[in-house]
Amino acid sequence: MSVKIWLPVSVAFVVIAVAAMLLRPATKPVLSPAAQTLTTTDPTAITTPLSTGVKSFQVRFENNLLTVKADEAPLKDLMKEISRRAYIAIELGDGVETDRISAEFTNQPLDAGLRQLLAGHDVFSYHRGDRGLLTIWIYAKLEGRGIYPIPFETWASTADLQQRLDDYDAAERVAALEALVDRGGALSERAVIKALDDEDERVRTTALYEALNEDFALPPEMLFDLAFNDSSHNVRFLALKSLSGTPTEEQVALAALNDSNPMIRNYAESILNRLYPARNPPDSGQQTQNSKH
């Protein structure tokens, strides 16, 4: 037997109203002006708000154009966000991290936007070829006087130099390798060994040259392979020289008598003359046959 419950009309309306409220989709809260961001579908054009008390800033970087809205924003926080979005290194001098920046502009080229933001500071920038702006240094006003550029290799950390060993530019890899070797230690030997596999002969040549100067104990099998098979005659020559005094020196020197490069052939002959000063060195079949005539 079913039971029916009848509600007064007024009560029924209340029940329906409450149910409608419970089932209604939640509405998106309205953000305060300081927390609102510029909208974009480009993942590289993210606008980042950051509030410090009542102060805030917004940053957008899209199509190599910078948009900033800052109200007394801390310089350190603002530059950190621009660095992250624009993929440039930004170094702050002493005493500027807590400086405050107020500015507003839209779609400015990166260089121009930074000049506007940092008009009250001394700024140095580093550009390189088609890669454009890579690094800026920011100092308090008039504190940049007397400062002059020094090579990256001088001030860079060891981690920076190790990362630079993978730079697309062979000249940069050479500079990083030389700087690491100058600093010494086990890391420099590992850097040399890694560089011996580099695709550019300038890097391989530098690695062997540095190894000879620093008297690094490189793996004999690696030197053996380089002396026989490397495409660069400079690398083959230095590998042959690096094998001096090793058990494989004679074997490599005999093979080098047939090298395509005359400098290597002459050096191989000098090695064999040193090893066998009182008699003709053991030689290839051709030289043995010539000695009989």
C-alpha atoms as a PDB file:
ATOM      1  CA  MET A   1       0.000   0.000   0.000  1.00  0.00           C
ATOM      2  CA  SER A   2       1.500   3.344  -1.059  1.00  0.00           C
ATOM      3  CA  VAL A   3       1.476   6.366   1.186  1.00  0.00           C
ATOM      4  CA  LYS A   4       0.996   9.804  -0.266  1.00  0.00           C
ATOM      5  CA  ILE A   5       2.184  12.902   1.523  1.00  0.00           C
ATOM      6  CA  TRP A   6       0.502  16.165   0.625  1.00  0.00           C
ATOM      7  CA  LEU A   7       2.292  19.412   1.315  1.00  0.00           C
ATOM      8  CA  PRO A   8       0.719  22.813   1.434  1.00  0.00           C
ATOM      9  CA  VAL A   9       1.359  24.862  -1.675  1.00  0.00           C
ATOM     10  CA  SER A  10       3.583  27.381   0.156  1.00  0.00           C
ATOM     11  CA  VAL A  11       5.797  24.644   1.598  1.00  0.00           C
ATOM     12  CA  ALA A  12       6.085  22.985  -1.833  1.00  0.00           C
ATOM     13  CA  PHE A  13       7.391  26.221  -3.370  1.00  0.00           C
ATOM     14  CA  VAL A  14      10.049  26.485  -0.638  1.00  0.00           C
ATOM     15  CA  VAL A  15      11.215  22.909  -1.264  1.00  0.00           C
ATOM     16  CA  ILE A  16      11.446  23.522  -5.009  1.00  0.00           C
ATOM     17  CA  ALA A  17      13.416  26.746  -4.497  1.00  0.00           C
ATOM     18  CA  VAL A  18      15.917  25.069  -2.162  1.00  0.00           C
ATOM     19  CA  ALA A  19      16.419  22.175  -4.577  1.00  0.00           C
ATOM     20  CA  ALA A  20      17.023  24.579  -7.433  1.00  0.00           C
ATOM     21  CA  MET A  21      19.697  26.376  -5.421  1.00  0.00           C
ATOM     22  CA  LEU A  22      21.457  23.120  -4.589  1.00  0.00           C
ATOM     23  CA  LEU A  23      21.429  21.905  -8.185  1.00  0.00           C
ATOM     24  CA  ARG A  24      22.499  25.187  -9.787  1.00  0.00           C
ATOM     25  CA  PRO A  25      26.091  25.069 -11.182  1.00  0.00           C
ATOM     26  CA  ALA A  26      28.624  26.937  -9.107  1.00  0.00           C
ATOM     27  CA  THR A  27      29.519  30.333 -10.545  1.00  0.00           C
ATOM     28  CA  LYS A  28      33.100  31.417 -11.050  1.00  0.00           C
ATOM     29  CA  PRO A  29      34.199  33.856  -8.338  1.00  0.00           C
ATOM     30  CA  VAL A  30      34.993  37.375  -9.423  1.00  0.00           C
ATOM     31  CA  LEU A  31      38.694  38.167  -8.991  1.00  0.00           C
ATOM     32  CA  SER A  32      39.899  41.407  -7.532  1.00  0.00           C
ATOM     33  CA  PRO A  33      41.671  43.742  -9.989  1.00  0.00           C
ATOM     34  CA  ALA A  34      45.080  42.865  -8.489  1.00  0.00           C
ATOM     35  CA  ALA A  35      44.545  39.156  -9.174  1.00  0.00           C
ATOM     36  CA  GLN A  36      43.125  39.417 -12.718  1.00  0.00           C
ATOM     37  CA  THR A  37      45.371  38.376 -15.592  1.00  0.00           C
ATOM     38  CA  LEU A  38      45.441  39.058 -19.315  1.00  0.00           C
ATOM     39  CA  THR A  39      43.965  36.141 -21.221  1.00  0.00           C
ATOM     40  CA  THR A  40      45.788  34.404 -24.039  1.00  0.00           C
ATOM     41  CA  THR A  41      45.803  31.060 -25.796  1.00  0.00           C
ATOM     42  CA  ASP A  42      49.553  31.166 -26.407  1.00  0.00           C
ATOM     43  CA  PRO A  43      51.333  29.126 -23.674  1.00  0.00           C
ATOM     44  CA  THR A  44      54.418  31.364 -23.994  1.00  0.00           C
ATOM     45  CA  ALA A  45      52.349  34.468 -23.363  1.00  0.00           C
ATOM     46  CA  ILE A  46      51.355  33.777 -19.789  1.00  0.00           C
ATOM     47  CA  THR A  47      50.625  36.837 -17.701  1.00  0.00           C
ATOM     48  CA  THR A  48      51.822  36.503 -14.145  1.00  0.00           C
ATOM     49  CA  PRO A  49      50.400  38.620 -11.338  1.00  0.00           C
ATOM     50  CA  LEU A  50      52.276  38.862  -8.068  1.00  0.00           C
ATOM     51  CA  SER A  51      51.107  40.822  -5.069  1.00  0.00           C
ATOM     52  CA  THR A  52      53.309  42.262  -2.354  1.00  0.00           C
ATOM     53  CA  GLY A  53      50.940  43.839   0.111  1.00  0.00           C
ATOM     54  CA  VAL A  54      48.815  46.081  -2.078  1.00  0.00           C
ATOM     55  CA  LYS A  55      51.452  46.227  -4.827  1.00  0.00           C
ATOM     56  CA  SER A  56      51.372  43.983  -7.898  1.00  0.00           C
ATOM     57  CA  PHE A  57      52.648  43.471 -11.413  1.00  0.00           C
ATOM     58  CA  GLN A  58      51.634  41.712 -14.609  1.00  0.00           C
ATOM     59  CA  VAL A  59      54.002  40.366 -17.266  1.00  0.00           C
ATOM     60  CA  ARG A  60      53.262  38.997 -20.718  1.00  0.00           C
ATOM     61  CA  PHE A  61      55.806  37.960 -23.335  1.00  0.00           C
ATOM     62  CA  GLU A  62      54.365  36.997 -26.709  1.00  0.00           C
ATOM     63  CA  ASN A  63      55.950  36.974 -30.174  1.00  0.00           C
ATOM     64  CA  ASN A  64      59.094  38.535 -28.689  1.00  0.00           C
ATOM     65  CA  LEU A  65      57.068  41.503 -27.439  1.00  0.00           C
ATOM     66  CA  LEU A  66      56.944  42.442 -23.767  1.00  0.00           C
ATOM     67  CA  THR A  67      53.907  43.773 -21.916  1.00  0.00           C
ATOM     68  CA  VAL A  68      54.266  44.949 -18.314  1.00  0.00           C
ATOM     69  CA  LYS A  69      51.974  46.584 -15.804  1.00  0.00           C
ATOM     70  CA  ALA A  70      53.800  47.217 -12.528  1.00  0.00           C
ATOM     71  CA  ASP A  71      52.843  49.203  -9.461  1.00  0.00           C
ATOM     72  CA  GLU A  72      55.789  49.596  -7.081  1.00  0.00           C
ATOM     73  CA  ALA A  73      56.815  46.020  -7.910  1.00  0.00           C
ATOM     74  CA  PRO A  74      60.010  44.645  -6.317  1.00  0.00           C
ATOM     75  CA  LEU A  75      62.772  44.707  -8.937  1.00  0.00           C
ATOM     76  CA  LYS A  76      63.984  41.229  -8.005  1.00  0.00           C
ATOM     77  CA  ASP A  77      60.555  39.624  -8.480  1.00  0.00           C
ATOM     78  CA  LEU A  78      59.799  41.518 -11.689  1.00  0.00           C
ATOM     79  CA  MET A  79      63.154  40.683 -13.299  1.00  0.00           C
ATOM     80  CA  LYS A  80      62.884  37.045 -12.237  1.00  0.00           C
ATOM     81  CA  GLU A  81      59.569  36.726 -14.050  1.00  0.00           C
ATOM     82  CA  ILE A  82      60.839  38.465 -17.184  1.00  0.00           C
ATOM     83  CA  SER A  83      63.911  36.224 -17.137  1.00  0.00           C
ATOM     84  CA  ARG A  84      61.706  33.144 -16.919  1.00  0.00           C
ATOM     85  CA  ARG A  85      59.406  34.225 -19.743  1.00  0.00           C
ATOM     86  CA  ALA A  86      61.981  35.670 -22.150  1.00  0.00           C
ATOM     87  CA  TYR A  87      64.702  33.034 -21.518  1.00  0.00           C
ATOM     88  CA  ILE A  88      67.431  35.549 -20.701  1.00  0.00           C
ATOM     89  CA  ALA A  89      69.815  35.704 -17.753  1.00  0.00           C
ATOM     90  CA  ILE A  90      69.400  38.735 -15.502  1.00  0.00           C
ATOM     91  CA  GLU A  91      72.043  39.490 -12.883  1.00  0.00           C
ATOM     92  CA  LEU A  92      71.392  42.007 -10.102  1.00  0.00           C
ATOM     93  CA  GLY A  93      74.146  44.074  -8.536  1.00  0.00           C
ATOM     94  CA  ASP A  94      74.393  44.811  -4.827  1.00  0.00           C
ATOM     95  CA  GLY A  95      71.632  46.879  -3.311  1.00  0.00           C
ATOM     96  CA  VAL A  96      69.086  46.830  -6.148  1.00  0.00           C
ATOM     97  CA  GLU A  97      66.984  43.768  -5.305  1.00  0.00           C
ATOM     98  CA  THR A  98      64.541  45.737  -3.164  1.00  0.00           C
ATOM     99  CA  ASP A  99      64.175  48.663  -5.574  1.00  0.00           C
ATOM    100  CA  ARG A 100      60.592  49.302  -6.672  1.00  0.00           C
ATOM    101  CA  ILE A 101      59.457  49.635 -10.285  1.00  0.00           C
ATOM    102  CA  SER A 102      56.286  51.323 -11.568  1.00  0.00           C
ATOM    103  CA  ALA A 103      55.626  51.204 -15.308  1.00  0.00           C
ATOM    104  CA  GLU A 104      52.990  50.283 -17.851  1.00  0.00           C
ATOM    105  CA  PHE A 105      53.460  49.505 -21.534  1.00  0.00           C
ATOM    106  CA  THR A 106      52.165  47.065 -24.139  1.00  0.00           C
ATOM    107  CA  ASN A 107      53.907  45.021 -26.849  1.00  0.00           C
ATOM    108  CA  GLN A 108      57.343  46.563 -26.664  1.00  0.00           C
ATOM    109  CA  PRO A 109      60.441  44.860 -28.127  1.00  0.00           C
ATOM    110  CA  LEU A 110      62.318  43.205 -25.269  1.00  0.00           C
ATOM    111  CA  ASP A 111      65.289  45.594 -25.378  1.00  0.00           C
ATOM    112  CA  ALA A 112      63.062  48.674 -25.460  1.00  0.00           C
ATOM    113  CA  GLY A 113      60.825  47.400 -22.678  1.00  0.00           C
ATOM    114  CA  LEU A 114      63.774  46.662 -20.402  1.00  0.00           C
ATOM    115  CA  ARG A 115      65.245  50.102 -21.054  1.00  0.00           C
ATOM    116  CA  GLN A 116      61.961  51.652 -19.993  1.00  0.00           C
ATOM    117  CA  LEU A 117      61.745  49.543 -16.836  1.00  0.00           C
ATOM    118  CA  LEU A 118      65.379  50.154 -15.871  1.00  0.00           C
ATOM    119  CA  ALA A 119      65.693  53.818 -16.778  1.00  0.00           C
ATOM    120  CA  GLY A 120      66.770  54.609 -13.212  1.00  0.00           C
ATOM    121  CA  HIS A 121      69.593  52.043 -13.174  1.00  0.00           C
ATOM    122  CA  ASP A 122      72.917  51.367 -14.854  1.00  0.00           C
ATOM    123  CA  VAL A 123      72.499  48.424 -17.226  1.00  0.00           C
ATOM    124  CA  PHE A 124      74.916  46.329 -19.289  1.00  0.00           C
ATOM    125  CA  SER A 125      73.676  43.865 -21.880  1.00  0.00           C
ATOM    126  CA  TYR A 126      75.188  40.975 -23.813  1.00  0.00           C
ATOM    127  CA  HIS A 127      73.960  40.173 -27.328  1.00  0.00           C
ATOM    128  CA  ARG A 128      75.306  37.360 -29.497  1.00  0.00           C
ATOM    129  CA  GLY A 129      74.679  37.125 -33.232  1.00  0.00           C
ATOM    130  CA  ASP A 130      71.293  35.856 -34.286  1.00  0.00           C
ATOM    131  CA  ARG A 131      70.458  34.731 -30.745  1.00  0.00           C
ATOM    132  CA  GLY A 132      69.856  38.338 -29.706  1.00  0.00           C
ATOM    133  CA  LEU A 133      69.819  39.403 -26.059  1.00  0.00           C
ATOM    134  CA  LEU A 134      71.212  36.747 -23.718  1.00  0.00           C
ATOM    135  CA  THR A 135      72.187  38.479 -20.462  1.00  0.00           C
ATOM    136  CA  ILE A 136      71.776  41.810 -18.706  1.00  0.00           C
ATOM    137  CA  TRP A 137      73.487  43.120 -15.575  1.00  0.00           C
ATOM    138  CA  ILE A 138      71.682  45.702 -13.430  1.00  0.00           C
ATOM    139  CA  TYR A 139      73.429  48.098 -11.032  1.00  0.00           C
ATOM    140  CA  ALA A 140      72.342  51.065  -8.966  1.00  0.00           C
ATOM    141  CA  LYS A 141      72.543  54.406 -10.762  1.00  0.00           C
ATOM    142  CA  LEU A 142      76.173  55.515 -11.254  1.00  0.00           C
ATOM    143  CA  GLU A 143      77.439  52.216  -9.808  1.00  0.00           C
ATOM    144  CA  GLY A 144      78.241  50.970 -13.300  1.00  0.00           C
ATOM    145  CA  ARG A 145      81.090  53.425 -13.699  1.00  0.00           C
ATOM    146  CA  GLY A 146      84.456  51.709 -13.940  1.00  0.00           C
ATOM    147  CA  ILE A 147      82.910  48.322 -14.721  1.00  0.00           C
ATOM    148  CA  TYR A 148      84.164  46.669 -17.891  1.00  0.00           C
ATOM    149  CA  PRO A 149      83.365  43.325 -19.543  1.00  0.00           C
ATOM    150  CA  ILE A 150      85.328  40.240 -18.615  1.00  0.00           C
ATOM    151  CA  PRO A 151      85.189  36.875 -20.398  1.00  0.00           C
ATOM    152  CA  PHE A 152      82.351  34.567 -19.477  1.00  0.00           C
ATOM    153  CA  GLU A 153      84.916  31.909 -18.631  1.00  0.00           C
ATOM    154  CA  THR A 154      86.320  34.111 -15.866  1.00  0.00           C
ATOM    155  CA  TRP A 155      83.134  34.605 -13.853  1.00  0.00           C
ATOM    156  CA  ALA A 156      80.997  31.647 -14.861  1.00  0.00           C
ATOM    157  CA  SER A 157      80.416  28.829 -12.410  1.00  0.00           C
ATOM    158  CA  THR A 158      81.786  25.375 -13.124  1.00  0.00           C
ATOM    159  CA  ALA A 159      78.222  24.190 -13.748  1.00  0.00           C
ATOM    160  CA  ASP A 160      77.761  26.947 -16.337  1.00  0.00           C
ATOM    161  CA  LEU A 161      80.956  25.902 -18.103  1.00  0.00           C
ATOM    162  CA  GLN A 162      79.934  22.251 -18.131  1.00  0.00           C
ATOM    163  CA  GLN A 163      76.608  23.207 -19.683  1.00  0.00           C
ATOM    164  CA  ARG A 164      78.433  25.301 -22.269  1.00  0.00           C
ATOM    165  CA  LEU A 165      80.325  22.203 -23.437  1.00  0.00           C
ATOM    166  CA  ASP A 166      77.081  21.340 -25.258  1.00  0.00           C
ATOM    167  CA  ASP A 167      76.715  24.750 -26.928  1.00  0.00           C
ATOM    168  CA  TYR A 168      75.849  24.617 -30.630  1.00  0.00           C
ATOM    169  CA  ASP A 169      78.844  26.875 -31.396  1.00  0.00           C
ATOM    170  CA  ALA A 170      82.151  24.984 -31.500  1.00  0.00           C
ATOM    171  CA  ALA A 171      84.076  28.122 -30.524  1.00  0.00           C
ATOM    172  CA  GLU A 172      82.004  28.350 -27.346  1.00  0.00           C
ATOM    173  CA  ARG A 173      82.695  24.689 -26.554  1.00  0.00           C
ATOM    174  CA  VAL A 174      86.427  25.286 -27.015  1.00  0.00           C
ATOM    175  CA  ALA A 175      86.370  28.302 -24.688  1.00  0.00           C
ATOM    176  CA  ALA A 176      84.432  26.383 -22.026  1.00  0.00           C
ATOM    177  CA  LEU A 177      86.819  23.438 -22.265  1.00  0.00           C
ATOM    178  CA  GLU A 178      89.902  25.636 -21.862  1.00  0.00           C
ATOM    179  CA  ALA A 179      88.339  27.367 -18.850  1.00  0.00           C
ATOM    180  CA  LEU A 180      87.485  24.055 -17.167  1.00  0.00           C
ATOM    181  CA  VAL A 181      91.007  22.748 -17.695  1.00  0.00           C
ATOM    182  CA  ASP A 182      92.427  25.943 -16.186  1.00  0.00           C
ATOM    183  CA  ARG A 183      90.378  25.273 -13.057  1.00  0.00           C
ATOM    184  CA  GLY A 184      91.864  21.795 -12.738  1.00  0.00           C
ATOM    185  CA  GLY A 185      90.517  18.817 -10.849  1.00  0.00           C
ATOM    186  CA  ALA A 186      88.791  15.634 -11.918  1.00  0.00           C
ATOM    187  CA  LEU A 187      86.082  17.583 -13.721  1.00  0.00           C
ATOM    188  CA  SER A 188      88.612  18.948 -16.194  1.00  0.00           C
ATOM    189  CA  GLU A 189      89.824  15.464 -17.119  1.00  0.00           C
ATOM    190  CA  ARG A 190      86.259  14.281 -17.644  1.00  0.00           C
ATOM    191  CA  ALA A 191      85.582  17.344 -19.784  1.00  0.00           C
ATOM    192  CA  VAL A 192      88.605  16.530 -21.969  1.00  0.00           C
ATOM    193  CA  ILE A 193      87.522  12.915 -22.410  1.00  0.00           C
ATOM    194  CA  LYS A 194      84.019  14.039 -23.376  1.00  0.00           C
ATOM    195  CA  ALA A 195      85.433  16.576 -25.837  1.00  0.00           C
ATOM    196  CA  LEU A 196      87.423  13.882 -27.635  1.00  0.00           C
ATOM    197  CA  ASP A 197      84.101  12.624 -29.000  1.00  0.00           C
ATOM    198  CA  ASP A 198      83.068  16.061 -30.253  1.00  0.00           C
ATOM    199  CA  GLU A 199      82.000  16.300 -33.898  1.00  0.00           C
ATOM    200  CA  ASP A 200      84.180  19.364 -34.507  1.00  0.00           C
ATOM    201  CA  GLU A 201      87.900  18.800 -34.993  1.00  0.00           C
ATOM    202  CA  ARG A 202      88.716  22.109 -33.277  1.00  0.00           C
ATOM    203  CA  VAL A 203      87.236  20.809 -30.050  1.00  0.00           C
ATOM    204  CA  ARG A 204      88.997  17.446 -30.315  1.00  0.00           C
ATOM    205  CA  THR A 205      92.310  19.138 -31.125  1.00  0.00           C
ATOM    206  CA  THR A 206      91.958  21.483 -28.148  1.00  0.00           C
ATOM    207  CA  ALA A 207      91.124  18.558 -25.882  1.00  0.00           C
ATOM    208  CA  LEU A 208      94.261  16.647 -26.858  1.00  0.00           C
ATOM    209  CA  TYR A 209      96.434  19.753 -26.688  1.00  0.00           C
ATOM    210  CA  GLU A 210      95.204  20.534 -23.176  1.00  0.00           C
ATOM    211  CA  ALA A 211      95.643  16.908 -22.127  1.00  0.00           C
ATOM    212  CA  LEU A 212      99.277  16.970 -23.284  1.00  0.00           C
ATOM    213  CA  ASN A 213      99.989  20.232 -21.476  1.00  0.00           C
ATOM    214  CA  GLU A 214      98.362  19.065 -18.245  1.00  0.00           C
ATOM    215  CA  ASP A 215      99.766  15.520 -18.479  1.00  0.00           C
ATOM    216  CA  PHE A 216      96.327  13.932 -18.210  1.00  0.00           C
ATOM    217  CA  ALA A 217      96.236  10.139 -18.253  1.00  0.00           C
ATOM    218  CA  LEU A 218      93.814   9.556 -21.103  1.00  0.00           C
ATOM    219  CA  PRO A 219      92.523   6.055 -21.901  1.00  0.00           C
ATOM    220  CA  PRO A 220      95.125   4.400 -24.213  1.00  0.00           C
ATOM    221  CA  GLU A 221      92.438   2.701 -26.285  1.00  0.00           C
ATOM    222  CA  MET A 222      90.851   6.070 -27.031  1.00  0.00           C
ATOM    223  CA  LEU A 223      94.201   7.566 -28.097  1.00  0.00           C
ATOM    224  CA  PHE A 224      94.915   4.463 -30.184  1.00  0.00           C
ATOM    225  CA  ASP A 225      91.604   4.860 -32.011  1.00  0.00           C
ATOM    226  CA  LEU A 226      92.151   8.580 -32.591  1.00  0.00           C
ATOM    227  CA  ALA A 227      95.677   8.030 -33.919  1.00  0.00           C
ATOM    228  CA  PHE A 228      94.425   5.455 -36.423  1.00  0.00           C
ATOM    229  CA  ASN A 229      90.994   6.674 -37.412  1.00  0.00           C
ATOM    230  CA  ASP A 230      90.379  10.360 -36.737  1.00  0.00           C
ATOM    231  CA  SER A 231      89.610  12.409 -39.836  1.00  0.00           C
ATOM    232  CA  SER A 232      91.746  15.337 -38.639  1.00  0.00           C
ATOM    233  CA  HIS A 233      95.506  15.113 -39.157  1.00  0.00           C
ATOM    234  CA  ASN A 234      95.981  17.452 -36.182  1.00  0.00           C
ATOM    235  CA  VAL A 235      94.104  15.055 -33.935  1.00  0.00           C
ATOM    236  CA  ARG A 236      95.990  12.030 -35.287  1.00  0.00           C
ATOM    237  CA  PHE A 237      99.317  13.806 -34.721  1.00  0.00           C
ATOM    238  CA  LEU A 238      98.477  14.798 -31.141  1.00  0.00           C
ATOM    239  CA  ALA A 239      97.138  11.320 -30.373  1.00  0.00           C
ATOM    240  CA  LEU A 240     100.367   9.793 -31.660  1.00  0.00           C
ATOM    241  CA  LYS A 241     102.348  12.212 -29.518  1.00  0.00           C
ATOM    242  CA  SER A 242     100.187  11.405 -26.480  1.00  0.00           C
ATOM    243  CA  LEU A 243     101.047   7.710 -26.835  1.00  0.00           C
ATOM    244  CA  SER A 244     104.755   8.395 -26.328  1.00  0.00           C
ATOM    245  CA  GLY A 245     106.208   5.975 -23.777  1.00  0.00           C
ATOM    246  CA  THR A 246     103.235   3.607 -23.855  1.00  0.00           C
ATOM    247  CA  PRO A 247     103.399  -0.080 -24.866  1.00  0.00           C
ATOM    248  CA  THR A 248     101.488   0.675 -28.067  1.00  0.00           C
ATOM    249  CA  GLU A 249     103.770   3.510 -29.205  1.00  0.00           C
ATOM    250  CA  GLU A 250     105.794   1.331 -31.587  1.00  0.00           C
ATOM    251  CA  GLN A 251     102.716  -0.276 -33.138  1.00  0.00           C
ATOM    252  CA  VAL A 252     101.028   3.068 -33.736  1.00  0.00           C
ATOM    253  CA  ALA A 253     104.238   4.620 -35.105  1.00  0.00           C
ATOM    254  CA  LEU A 254     104.674   1.767 -37.586  1.00  0.00           C
ATOM    255  CA  ALA A 255     101.117   2.266 -38.815  1.00  0.00           C
ATOM    256  CA  ALA A 256     101.637   6.042 -38.969  1.00  0.00           C
ATOM    257  CA  LEU A 257     104.468   5.569 -41.496  1.00  0.00           C
ATOM    258  CA  ASN A 258     101.662   5.107 -44.024  1.00  0.00           C
ATOM    259  CA  ASP A 259      99.618   8.113 -42.900  1.00  0.00           C
ATOM    260  CA  SER A 260      98.415  10.446 -45.641  1.00  0.00           C
ATOM    261  CA  ASN A 261      99.935  13.448 -43.855  1.00  0.00           C
ATOM    262  CA  PRO A 262     103.721  13.988 -44.261  1.00  0.00           C
ATOM    263  CA  MET A 263     104.058  15.622 -40.845  1.00  0.00           C
ATOM    264  CA  ILE A 264     102.701  12.493 -39.186  1.00  0.00           C
ATOM    265  CA  ARG A 265     104.882  10.195 -41.269  1.00  0.00           C
ATOM    266  CA  ASN A 266     107.991  12.192 -40.318  1.00  0.00           C
ATOM    267  CA  TYR A 267     107.057  12.159 -36.660  1.00  0.00           C
ATOM    268  CA  ALA A 268     106.414   8.404 -36.751  1.00  0.00           C
ATOM    269  CA  GLU A 269     109.844   7.895 -38.282  1.00  0.00           C
ATOM    270  CA  SER A 270     111.458   9.975 -35.530  1.00  0.00           C
ATOM    271  CA  ILE A 271     109.720   7.810 -32.915  1.00  0.00           C
ATOM    272  CA  LEU A 272     111.098   4.639 -34.464  1.00  0.00           C
ATOM    273  CA  ASN A 273     114.567   6.126 -34.744  1.00  0.00           C
ATOM    274  CA  ARG A 274     114.404   6.962 -31.063  1.00  0.00           C
ATOM    275  CA  LEU A 275     113.249   3.455 -30.169  1.00  0.00           C
ATOM    276  CA  TYR A 276     115.940   1.796 -32.355  1.00  0.00           C
ATOM    277  CA  PRO A 277     118.899   4.186 -32.515  1.00  0.00           C
ATOM    278  CA  ALA A 278     121.555   1.568 -33.347  1.00  0.00           C
ATOM    279  CA  ARG A 279     119.810  -0.096 -36.224  1.00  0.00           C
ATOM    280  CA  ASN A 280     117.011   0.314 -38.705  1.00  0.00           C
ATOM    281  CA  PRO A 281     113.637   0.104 -36.992  1.00  0.00           C
ATOM    282  CA  PRO A 282     111.272  -2.741 -37.719  1.00  0.00           C
ATOM    283  CA  ASP A 283     109.362  -1.466 -40.677  1.00  0.00           C
ATOM    284  CA  SER A 284     106.650  -2.170 -43.131  1.00  0.00           C
ATOM    285  CA  GLY A 285     107.112  -4.830 -45.791  1.00  0.00           C
ATOM    286  CA  GLN A 286     107.876  -2.153 -48.345  1.00  0.00           C
ATOM    287  CA  GLN A 287     110.772  -0.711 -46.337  1.00  0.00           C
ATOM    288  CA  THR A 288     112.169  -4.176 -45.636  1.00  0.00           C
ATOM    289  CA  GLN A 289     112.089  -4.953 -49.343  1.00  0.00           C
ATOM    290  CA  ASN A 290     113.806  -1.652 -50.156  1.00  0.00           C
ATOM    291  CA  SER A 291     116.565  -2.375 -47.625  1.00  0.00           C
ATOM    292  CA  LYS A 292     117.522  -5.533 -49.513  1.00  0.00           C
ATOM    293  CA  HIS A 293     118.265  -3.600 -52.692  1.00  0.00           C
END
